[in-house]
Amino acid sequence: MEEEYFVEGKAHRYDFKTKPGVATPLDTHYPYKTRMIVRRPVNPEKFNGTVVIEWLNVSAKYDIDSDW
């Protein structure tokens, strides 16, 4: 089974120079929207608990899922 979800929100910009080793949020004015595709067995009993996250390469203007 394949399902598609969209996630959106506002991203933070951080300052890393003020305090070494500490990221200080500067603002949250960067909206984003991304897509997530979930592939799973139709029968939940066949799910073994393993989750694999794969980055989809879109440089060709369409999704290229190299590991699936």
PDB file of N, CA and C in Angstrom:
ATOM      1  N   MET A   1       0.848  -1.163   0.000  1.00  0.00           N
ATOM      2  CA  MET A   1       0.000   0.000   0.000  1.00  0.00           C
ATOM      3  C   MET A   1       0.898   1.231   0.000  1.00  0.00           C
ATOM      4  N   GLU A   2       0.512   2.232  -0.769  1.00  0.00           N
ATOM      5  CA  GLU A   2       1.265   3.486  -0.809  1.00  0.00           C
ATOM      6  C   GLU A   2       0.323   4.621  -0.462  1.00  0.00           C
ATOM      7  N   GLU A   3       0.751   5.479   0.477  1.00  0.00           N
ATOM      8  CA  GLU A   3      -0.053   6.628   0.896  1.00  0.00           C
ATOM      9  C   GLU A   3       0.816   7.876   0.814  1.00  0.00           C
ATOM     10  N   GLU A   4       0.190   9.007   0.505  1.00  0.00           N
ATOM     11  CA  GLU A   4       0.907  10.268   0.363  1.00  0.00           C
ATOM     12  C   GLU A   4       0.390  11.262   1.406  1.00  0.00           C
ATOM     13  N   TYR A   5       1.319  11.940   2.069  1.00  0.00           N
ATOM     14  CA  TYR A   5       0.985  12.949   3.078  1.00  0.00           C
ATOM     15  C   TYR A   5       1.763  14.227   2.781  1.00  0.00           C
ATOM     16  N   PHE A   6       1.200  15.355   3.170  1.00  0.00           N
ATOM     17  CA  PHE A   6       1.896  16.634   3.051  1.00  0.00           C
ATOM     18  C   PHE A   6       2.116  17.201   4.443  1.00  0.00           C
ATOM     19  N   VAL A   7       3.296  17.764   4.637  1.00  0.00           N
ATOM     20  CA  VAL A   7       3.666  18.365   5.920  1.00  0.00           C
ATOM     21  C   VAL A   7       4.098  19.791   5.622  1.00  0.00           C
ATOM     22  N   GLU A   8       3.582  20.738   6.407  1.00  0.00           N
ATOM     23  CA  GLU A   8       3.994  22.125   6.204  1.00  0.00           C
ATOM     24  C   GLU A   8       4.104  22.854   7.529  1.00  0.00           C
ATOM     25  N   GLY A   9       4.837  23.937   7.487  1.00  0.00           N
ATOM     26  CA  GLY A   9       5.029  24.726   8.694  1.00  0.00           C
ATOM     27  C   GLY A   9       5.942  25.900   8.413  1.00  0.00           C
ATOM     28  N   LYS A  10       6.535  26.431   9.449  1.00  0.00           N
ATOM     29  CA  LYS A  10       7.478  27.536   9.307  1.00  0.00           C
ATOM     30  C   LYS A  10       8.820  27.107   9.873  1.00  0.00           C
ATOM     31  N   ALA A  11       9.850  27.288   9.082  1.00  0.00           N
ATOM     32  CA  ALA A  11      11.197  26.896   9.490  1.00  0.00           C
ATOM     33  C   ALA A  11      11.852  28.021  10.288  1.00  0.00           C
ATOM     34  N   HIS A  12      12.767  27.646  11.148  1.00  0.00           N
ATOM     35  CA  HIS A  12      13.524  28.609  11.951  1.00  0.00           C
ATOM     36  C   HIS A  12      14.865  28.914  11.285  1.00  0.00           C
ATOM     37  N   ARG A  13      15.359  30.093  11.502  1.00  0.00           N
ATOM     38  CA  ARG A  13      16.726  30.444  11.131  1.00  0.00           C
ATOM     39  C   ARG A  13      17.485  30.574  12.438  1.00  0.00           C
ATOM     40  N   TYR A  14      18.699  30.034  12.486  1.00  0.00           N
ATOM     41  CA  TYR A  14      19.460  29.983  13.735  1.00  0.00           C
ATOM     42  C   TYR A  14      20.769  30.746  13.638  1.00  0.00           C
ATOM     43  N   ASP A  15      21.215  31.239  14.776  1.00  0.00           N
ATOM     44  CA  ASP A  15      22.528  31.869  14.906  1.00  0.00           C
ATOM     45  C   ASP A  15      23.418  30.901  15.681  1.00  0.00           C
ATOM     46  N   PHE A  16      24.548  30.534  15.089  1.00  0.00           N
ATOM     47  CA  PHE A  16      25.478  29.605  15.721  1.00  0.00           C
ATOM     48  C   PHE A  16      26.723  30.312  16.245  1.00  0.00           C
ATOM     49  N   LYS A  17      26.823  31.611  16.015  1.00  0.00           N
ATOM     50  CA  LYS A  17      28.056  32.323  16.344  1.00  0.00           C
ATOM     51  C   LYS A  17      28.035  33.004  17.709  1.00  0.00           C
ATOM     52  N   THR A  18      26.864  33.339  18.229  1.00  0.00           N
ATOM     53  CA  THR A  18      26.767  34.066  19.489  1.00  0.00           C
ATOM     54  C   THR A  18      27.377  33.278  20.638  1.00  0.00           C
ATOM     55  N   LYS A  19      26.984  32.025  20.772  1.00  0.00           N
ATOM     56  CA  LYS A  19      27.465  31.155  21.839  1.00  0.00           C
ATOM     57  C   LYS A  19      27.965  29.861  21.205  1.00  0.00           C
ATOM     58  N   PRO A  20      29.251  29.570  21.271  1.00  0.00           N
ATOM     59  CA  PRO A  20      29.767  28.341  20.650  1.00  0.00           C
ATOM     60  C   PRO A  20      29.033  27.087  21.153  1.00  0.00           C
ATOM     61  N   GLY A  21      28.593  26.253  20.218  1.00  0.00           N
ATOM     62  CA  GLY A  21      27.904  25.018  20.568  1.00  0.00           C
ATOM     63  C   GLY A  21      26.425  25.185  20.854  1.00  0.00           C
ATOM     64  N   VAL A  22      25.901  26.412  20.741  1.00  0.00           N
ATOM     65  CA  VAL A  22      24.482  26.662  21.014  1.00  0.00           C
ATOM     66  C   VAL A  22      23.842  27.319  19.794  1.00  0.00           C
ATOM     67  N   ALA A  23      22.710  26.784  19.354  1.00  0.00           N
ATOM     68  CA  ALA A  23      21.965  27.359  18.235  1.00  0.00           C
ATOM     69  C   ALA A  23      20.845  28.218  18.799  1.00  0.00           C
ATOM     70  N   THR A  24      20.890  29.514  18.520  1.00  0.00           N
ATOM     71  CA  THR A  24      19.877  30.451  19.004  1.00  0.00           C
ATOM     72  C   THR A  24      18.914  30.773  17.868  1.00  0.00           C
ATOM     73  N   PRO A  25      17.598  30.514  18.042  1.00  0.00           N
ATOM     74  CA  PRO A  25      16.651  30.838  16.966  1.00  0.00           C
ATOM     75  C   PRO A  25      16.564  32.346  16.744  1.00  0.00           C
ATOM     76  N   LEU A  26      16.620  32.749  15.482  1.00  0.00           N
ATOM     77  CA  LEU A  26      16.519  34.167  15.145  1.00  0.00           C
ATOM     78  C   LEU A  26      15.102  34.541  14.724  1.00  0.00           C
ATOM     79  N   ASP A  27      14.475  33.717  13.887  1.00  0.00           N
ATOM     80  CA  ASP A  27      13.118  34.002  13.438  1.00  0.00           C
ATOM     81  C   ASP A  27      12.487  32.740  12.853  1.00  0.00           C
ATOM     82  N   THR A  28      11.210  32.852  12.497  1.00  0.00           N
ATOM     83  CA  THR A  28      10.475  31.693  11.956  1.00  0.00           C
ATOM     84  C   THR A  28       9.669  32.108  10.731  1.00  0.00           C
ATOM     85  N   HIS A  29      10.268  32.867   9.858  1.00  0.00           N
ATOM     86  CA  HIS A  29       9.537  33.425   8.713  1.00  0.00           C
ATOM     87  C   HIS A  29       9.775  32.667   7.413  1.00  0.00           C
ATOM     88  N   TYR A  30      10.032  31.378   7.489  1.00  0.00           N
ATOM     89  CA  TYR A  30      10.372  30.612   6.295  1.00  0.00           C
ATOM     90  C   TYR A  30       9.395  29.450   6.101  1.00  0.00           C
ATOM     91  N   PRO A  31       8.288  29.707   5.394  1.00  0.00           N
ATOM     92  CA  PRO A  31       7.299  28.651   5.204  1.00  0.00           C
ATOM     93  C   PRO A  31       7.853  27.537   4.320  1.00  0.00           C
ATOM     94  N   TYR A  32       7.436  26.313   4.598  1.00  0.00           N
ATOM     95  CA  TYR A  32       7.827  25.173   3.783  1.00  0.00           C
ATOM     96  C   TYR A  32       6.656  24.208   3.662  1.00  0.00           C
ATOM     97  N   LYS A  33       6.675  23.424   2.615  1.00  0.00           N
ATOM     98  CA  LYS A  33       5.710  22.345   2.430  1.00  0.00           C
ATOM     99  C   LYS A  33       6.463  21.214   1.755  1.00  0.00           C
ATOM    100  N   THR A  34       6.334  20.029   2.284  1.00  0.00           N
ATOM    101  CA  THR A  34       7.003  18.875   1.713  1.00  0.00           C
ATOM    102  C   THR A  34       6.057  17.690   1.691  1.00  0.00           C
ATOM    103  N   ARG A  35       6.431  16.691   0.953  1.00  0.00           N
ATOM    104  CA  ARG A  35       5.575  15.527   0.765  1.00  0.00           C
ATOM    105  C   ARG A  35       6.256  14.292   1.336  1.00  0.00           C
ATOM    106  N   MET A  36       5.455  13.402   1.873  1.00  0.00           N
ATOM    107  CA  MET A  36       5.964  12.149   2.421  1.00  0.00           C
ATOM    108  C   MET A  36       5.140  11.008   1.813  1.00  0.00           C
ATOM    109  N   ILE A  37       5.838  10.002   1.307  1.00  0.00           N
ATOM    110  CA  ILE A  37       5.180   8.816   0.764  1.00  0.00           C
ATOM    111  C   ILE A  37       5.454   7.663   1.723  1.00  0.00           C
ATOM    112  N   VAL A  38       4.397   6.992   2.135  1.00  0.00           N
ATOM    113  CA  VAL A  38       4.517   5.846   3.045  1.00  0.00           C
ATOM    114  C   VAL A  38       4.123   4.590   2.278  1.00  0.00           C
ATOM    115  N   ARG A  39       5.049   3.651   2.233  1.00  0.00           N
ATOM    116  CA  ARG A  39       4.767   2.348   1.615  1.00  0.00           C
ATOM    117  C   ARG A  39       4.783   1.306   2.721  1.00  0.00           C
ATOM    118  N   ARG A  40       3.692   0.564   2.822  1.00  0.00           N
ATOM    119  CA  ARG A  40       3.576  -0.407   3.908  1.00  0.00           C
ATOM    120  C   ARG A  40       2.709  -1.568   3.467  1.00  0.00           C
ATOM    121  N   PRO A  41       2.794  -2.693   4.174  1.00  0.00           N
ATOM    122  CA  PRO A  41       1.921  -3.826   3.836  1.00  0.00           C
ATOM    123  C   PRO A  41       0.459  -3.486   4.105  1.00  0.00           C
ATOM    124  N   VAL A  42      -0.436  -3.967   3.275  1.00  0.00           N
ATOM    125  CA  VAL A  42      -1.874  -3.765   3.487  1.00  0.00           C
ATOM    126  C   VAL A  42      -2.296  -4.423   4.797  1.00  0.00           C
ATOM    127  N   ASN A  43      -1.757  -5.600   5.059  1.00  0.00           N
ATOM    128  CA  ASN A  43      -2.058  -6.325   6.292  1.00  0.00           C
ATOM    129  C   ASN A  43      -1.061  -5.882   7.372  1.00  0.00           C
ATOM    130  N   PRO A  44      -1.515  -5.183   8.425  1.00  0.00           N
ATOM    131  CA  PRO A  44      -0.604  -4.711   9.478  1.00  0.00           C
ATOM    132  C   PRO A  44       0.187  -5.831  10.154  1.00  0.00           C
ATOM    133  N   GLU A  45      -0.320  -7.039  10.134  1.00  0.00           N
ATOM    134  CA  GLU A  45       0.395  -8.155  10.758  1.00  0.00           C
ATOM    135  C   GLU A  45       1.672  -8.511  10.001  1.00  0.00           C
ATOM    136  N   LYS A  46       1.789  -8.065   8.763  1.00  0.00           N
ATOM    137  CA  LYS A  46       2.993  -8.352   7.971  1.00  0.00           C
ATOM    138  C   LYS A  46       4.085  -7.297   8.161  1.00  0.00           C
ATOM    139  N   PHE A  47       3.789  -6.249   8.937  1.00  0.00           N
ATOM    140  CA  PHE A  47       4.792  -5.212   9.219  1.00  0.00           C
ATOM    141  C   PHE A  47       5.738  -5.723  10.291  1.00  0.00           C
ATOM    142  N   ASN A  48       7.050  -5.706   9.994  1.00  0.00           N
ATOM    143  CA  ASN A  48       8.028  -6.252  10.935  1.00  0.00           C
ATOM    144  C   ASN A  48       8.635  -5.198  11.865  1.00  0.00           C
ATOM    145  N   GLY A  49       8.195  -3.952  11.750  1.00  0.00           N
ATOM    146  CA  GLY A  49       8.698  -2.913  12.641  1.00  0.00           C
ATOM    147  C   GLY A  49       9.853  -2.115  12.072  1.00  0.00           C
ATOM    148  N   THR A  50      10.377  -2.491  10.920  1.00  0.00           N
ATOM    149  CA  THR A  50      11.493  -1.785  10.309  1.00  0.00           C
ATOM    150  C   THR A  50      10.976  -0.613   9.479  1.00  0.00           C
ATOM    151  N   VAL A  51      11.563   0.576   9.693  1.00  0.00           N
ATOM    152  CA  VAL A  51      11.212   1.768   8.934  1.00  0.00           C
ATOM    153  C   VAL A  51      12.460   2.228   8.190  1.00  0.00           C
ATOM    154  N   VAL A  52      12.330   2.462   6.894  1.00  0.00           N
ATOM    155  CA  VAL A  52      13.432   2.942   6.070  1.00  0.00           C
ATOM    156  C   VAL A  52      13.043   4.316   5.523  1.00  0.00           C
ATOM    157  N   ILE A  53      13.919   5.294   5.703  1.00  0.00           N
ATOM    158  CA  ILE A  53      13.676   6.637   5.177  1.00  0.00           C
ATOM    159  C   ILE A  53      14.567   6.820   3.960  1.00  0.00           C
ATOM    160  N   GLU A  54      13.968   7.211   2.855  1.00  0.00           N
ATOM    161  CA  GLU A  54      14.714   7.386   1.616  1.00  0.00           C
ATOM    162  C   GLU A  54      14.442   8.777   1.056  1.00  0.00           C
ATOM    163  N   TRP A  55      15.508   9.478   0.714  1.00  0.00           N
ATOM    164  CA  TRP A  55      15.388  10.788   0.088  1.00  0.00           C
ATOM    165  C   TRP A  55      15.049  10.574  -1.382  1.00  0.00           C
ATOM    166  N   LEU A  56      13.982  11.216  -1.873  1.00  0.00           N
ATOM    167  CA  LEU A  56      13.621  11.099  -3.278  1.00  0.00           C
ATOM    168  C   LEU A  56      14.343  12.185  -4.080  1.00  0.00           C
ATOM    169  N   ASN A  57      15.135  11.774  -5.051  1.00  0.00           N
ATOM    170  CA  ASN A  57      15.867  12.692  -5.901  1.00  0.00           C
ATOM    171  C   ASN A  57      14.910  13.259  -6.949  1.00  0.00           C
ATOM    172  N   VAL A  58      14.746  14.582  -6.984  1.00  0.00           N
ATOM    173  CA  VAL A  58      13.812  15.204  -7.922  1.00  0.00           C
ATOM    174  C   VAL A  58      14.529  16.064  -8.959  1.00  0.00           C
ATOM    175  N   SER A  59      15.828  15.891  -9.122  1.00  0.00           N
ATOM    176  CA  SER A  59      16.574  16.725 -10.066  1.00  0.00           C
ATOM    177  C   SER A  59      16.143  16.506 -11.516  1.00  0.00           C
ATOM    178  N   ALA A  60      15.497  15.387 -11.828  1.00  0.00           N
ATOM    179  CA  ALA A  60      14.998  15.124 -13.182  1.00  0.00           C
ATOM    180  C   ALA A  60      13.565  15.629 -13.355  1.00  0.00           C
ATOM    181  N   LYS A  61      13.054  16.351 -12.370  1.00  0.00           N
ATOM    182  CA  LYS A  61      11.680  16.903 -12.360  1.00  0.00           C
ATOM    183  C   LYS A  61      10.620  15.850 -12.064  1.00  0.00           C
ATOM    184  N   TYR A  62      11.036  14.677 -11.604  1.00  0.00           N
ATOM    185  CA  TYR A  62      10.111  13.657 -11.107  1.00  0.00           C
ATOM    186  C   TYR A  62      10.856  12.834 -10.064  1.00  0.00           C
ATOM    187  N   ASP A  63      10.113  12.142  -9.207  1.00  0.00           N
ATOM    188  CA  ASP A  63      10.729  11.385  -8.116  1.00  0.00           C
ATOM    189  C   ASP A  63      11.560  10.212  -8.639  1.00  0.00           C
ATOM    190  N   ILE A  64      12.766  10.086  -8.134  1.00  0.00           N
ATOM    191  CA  ILE A  64      13.608   8.934  -8.416  1.00  0.00           C
ATOM    192  C   ILE A  64      13.915   8.291  -7.072  1.00  0.00           C
ATOM    193  N   ASP A  65      13.278   7.169  -6.792  1.00  0.00           N
ATOM    194  CA  ASP A  65      13.521   6.476  -5.525  1.00  0.00           C
ATOM    195  C   ASP A  65      14.538   5.366  -5.788  1.00  0.00           C
ATOM    196  N   SER A  66      15.776   5.631  -5.469  1.00  0.00           N
ATOM    197  CA  SER A  66      16.867   4.738  -5.853  1.00  0.00           C
ATOM    198  C   SER A  66      16.889   3.427  -5.090  1.00  0.00           C
ATOM    199  N   ASP A  67      16.372   3.385  -3.886  1.00  0.00           N
ATOM    200  CA  ASP A  67      16.454   2.159  -3.090  1.00  0.00           C
ATOM    201  C   ASP A  67      15.181   1.310  -3.121  1.00  0.00           C
ATOM    202  N   TRP A  68      14.060   1.892  -3.481  1.00  0.00           N
ATOM    203  CA  TRP A  68      12.808   1.136  -3.474  1.00  0.00           C
ATOM    204  C   TRP A  68      12.828   0.221  -4.652  1.00  0.00           C
TER     205      TRP A  68
END
